[in-house]
């Protein structure tokens, strides 16, 4: 059985209207492993920093951004998943007012599988998400 927790996502400002948290599964955040993977490429790291800048803006203002940078993904008719994107990189978050859970990072070529994984996670962990 998996153990879930959250911790503040220090890469995004925490003094705005929204706070971003990393979702930890058994003490590890997938976004950290993803970051370690992309650090090997200067281009990917630059794209990731652009995504973090978008996340900072959203954290500060709780405003929508252009679809070229951010997409909303519907689940059961509600916009619950936020996809931040830059070139081939994606960061997926679950919006749970007044906070946002950073769940996973991925690549455009894996986008469909990642979105399905998120939807499955939401369905299987509905009670967990209500408690967080």
Protein backbone atom coordinates (compact mmCIF):
# COMPACT_ATOMS: atom_id res chain seq x y z
CA UNK A 1 0.00 0.00 0.00
CA UNK A 2 1.27 3.44 -0.93
CA UNK A 3 1.78 6.15 1.63
CA UNK A 4 0.97 9.65 0.34
CA UNK A 5 1.97 13.03 1.74
CA UNK A 6 2.58 16.54 0.46
CA UNK A 7 5.32 19.09 0.93
CA UNK A 8 5.67 22.63 -0.33
CA UNK A 9 7.12 22.83 -3.85
CA UNK A 10 10.03 25.15 -3.15
CA UNK A 11 10.69 25.82 -6.83
CA UNK A 12 7.48 27.89 -7.05
CA UNK A 13 6.74 31.00 -5.02
CA UNK A 14 4.65 30.33 -1.94
CA UNK A 15 3.50 33.85 -1.07
CA UNK A 16 0.79 34.20 -3.72
CA UNK A 17 -2.88 33.32 -3.99
CA UNK A 18 -2.15 29.64 -4.67
CA UNK A 19 0.39 27.35 -3.07
CA UNK A 20 1.99 24.51 -5.00
CA UNK A 21 2.78 21.25 -3.22
CA UNK A 22 4.67 18.17 -4.37
CA UNK A 23 2.78 14.92 -4.01
CA UNK A 24 4.98 12.38 -2.27
CA UNK A 25 4.42 8.68 -2.74
CA UNK A 26 6.26 6.62 -0.14
CA UNK A 27 8.39 9.67 0.67
CA UNK A 28 9.42 10.42 -2.94
CA UNK A 29 8.11 13.00 -5.38
CA UNK A 30 7.96 11.98 -9.04
CA UNK A 31 8.63 15.60 -10.03
CA UNK A 32 12.03 15.41 -8.28
CA UNK A 33 13.02 12.30 -10.24
CA UNK A 34 11.80 13.98 -13.42
CA UNK A 35 13.92 17.05 -12.66
CA UNK A 36 16.99 14.86 -12.10
CA UNK A 37 16.35 13.24 -15.48
CA UNK A 38 16.05 16.50 -17.44
CA UNK A 39 19.01 18.20 -15.73
CA UNK A 40 21.25 16.31 -18.13
CA UNK A 41 20.05 18.53 -21.00
CA UNK A 42 20.56 22.29 -21.01
CA UNK A 43 17.62 22.79 -23.40
CA UNK A 44 15.23 20.73 -21.26
CA UNK A 45 16.39 22.51 -18.12
CA UNK A 46 15.72 25.88 -19.80
CA UNK A 47 12.21 24.69 -20.78
CA UNK A 48 11.58 23.48 -17.22
CA UNK A 49 12.56 26.90 -15.85
CA UNK A 50 10.03 28.47 -18.25
CA UNK A 51 7.35 26.16 -16.85
CA UNK A 52 8.34 27.18 -13.31
CA UNK A 53 7.98 30.84 -14.31
CA UNK A 54 4.42 30.11 -15.52
CA UNK A 55 3.70 28.30 -12.26
CA UNK A 56 5.01 31.33 -10.33
CA UNK A 57 2.64 33.59 -12.27
CA UNK A 58 -0.33 31.32 -11.61
CA UNK A 59 0.65 31.02 -7.92
CA UNK A 60 0.83 34.79 -7.59
CA UNK A 61 -2.31 35.73 -9.50
CA UNK A 62 -4.50 32.59 -9.77
CA UNK A 63 -5.08 33.78 -13.35
CA UNK A 64 -5.45 31.81 -16.53
CA UNK A 65 -2.65 31.74 -19.04
CA UNK A 66 -2.68 31.22 -22.82
CA UNK A 67 -3.30 27.67 -24.06
CA UNK A 68 0.20 27.69 -25.51
CA UNK A 69 1.56 27.51 -21.94
CA UNK A 70 -1.20 25.94 -19.85
CA UNK A 71 -4.08 23.55 -20.56
CA UNK A 72 -6.97 22.53 -18.36
CA UNK A 73 -7.87 18.87 -18.50
CA UNK A 74 -11.38 17.83 -17.62
CA UNK A 75 -12.20 14.98 -15.28
CA UNK A 76 -15.87 14.15 -14.68
CA UNK A 77 -16.83 17.41 -16.37
CA UNK A 78 -14.64 19.61 -14.15
CA UNK A 79 -11.32 21.31 -14.89
CA UNK A 80 -9.29 19.62 -12.19
CA UNK A 81 -5.94 18.91 -13.87
CA UNK A 82 -3.61 21.66 -15.05
CA UNK A 83 -1.00 20.87 -17.68
CA UNK A 84 1.91 23.32 -17.83
CA UNK A 85 3.87 22.92 -21.05
CA UNK A 86 6.92 24.16 -22.89
CA UNK A 87 8.09 22.48 -26.09
CA UNK A 88 8.34 18.75 -25.24
CA UNK A 89 8.02 19.08 -21.44
CA UNK A 90 4.83 18.75 -19.40
CA UNK A 91 4.10 19.21 -15.69
CA UNK A 92 0.75 17.93 -14.47
CA UNK A 93 -0.98 19.31 -11.40
CA UNK A 94 -4.23 18.62 -9.61
CA UNK A 95 -6.02 21.79 -8.57
CA UNK A 96 -7.62 21.47 -5.18
CA UNK A 97 -8.60 24.96 -4.05
CA UNK A 98 -6.90 26.84 -2.60
CA UNK A 99 -3.84 24.77 -3.47
CA UNK A 100 -2.29 22.89 -6.35
CA UNK A 101 -0.64 19.49 -6.10
CA UNK A 102 2.28 18.93 -8.48
CA UNK A 103 1.86 15.29 -9.37
CA UNK A 104 4.17 14.46 -12.22
CA UNK A 105 6.38 15.66 -15.02
CA UNK A 106 6.54 14.09 -18.42
CA UNK A 107 7.15 14.51 -22.12
CA UNK A 108 4.75 15.39 -24.90
CA UNK A 109 5.18 11.98 -26.53
CA UNK A 110 3.87 10.36 -23.29
CA UNK A 111 1.09 12.91 -22.81
CA UNK A 112 -1.85 10.56 -23.38
CA UNK A 113 -0.51 7.92 -21.00
CA UNK A 114 0.31 10.55 -18.36
CA UNK A 115 -3.19 12.05 -18.51
CA UNK A 116 -4.76 8.61 -18.22
CA UNK A 117 -2.47 7.87 -15.27
CA UNK A 118 -3.61 11.08 -13.56
CA UNK A 119 -7.28 10.33 -14.13
CA UNK A 120 -6.79 6.84 -12.71
CA UNK A 121 -4.96 8.31 -9.70
CA UNK A 122 -7.81 10.77 -9.07
CA UNK A 123 -10.42 8.03 -9.34
CA UNK A 124 -8.55 5.62 -7.07
CA UNK A 125 -7.58 8.24 -4.49
CA UNK A 126 -10.70 10.38 -4.21
CA UNK A 127 -10.77 10.08 -0.41
CA UNK A 128 -7.07 10.91 -0.14
CA UNK A 129 -7.48 14.04 -2.25
CA UNK A 130 -10.38 15.21 -0.09
CA UNK A 131 -8.18 14.93 3.03
CA UNK A 132 -5.17 16.79 1.62
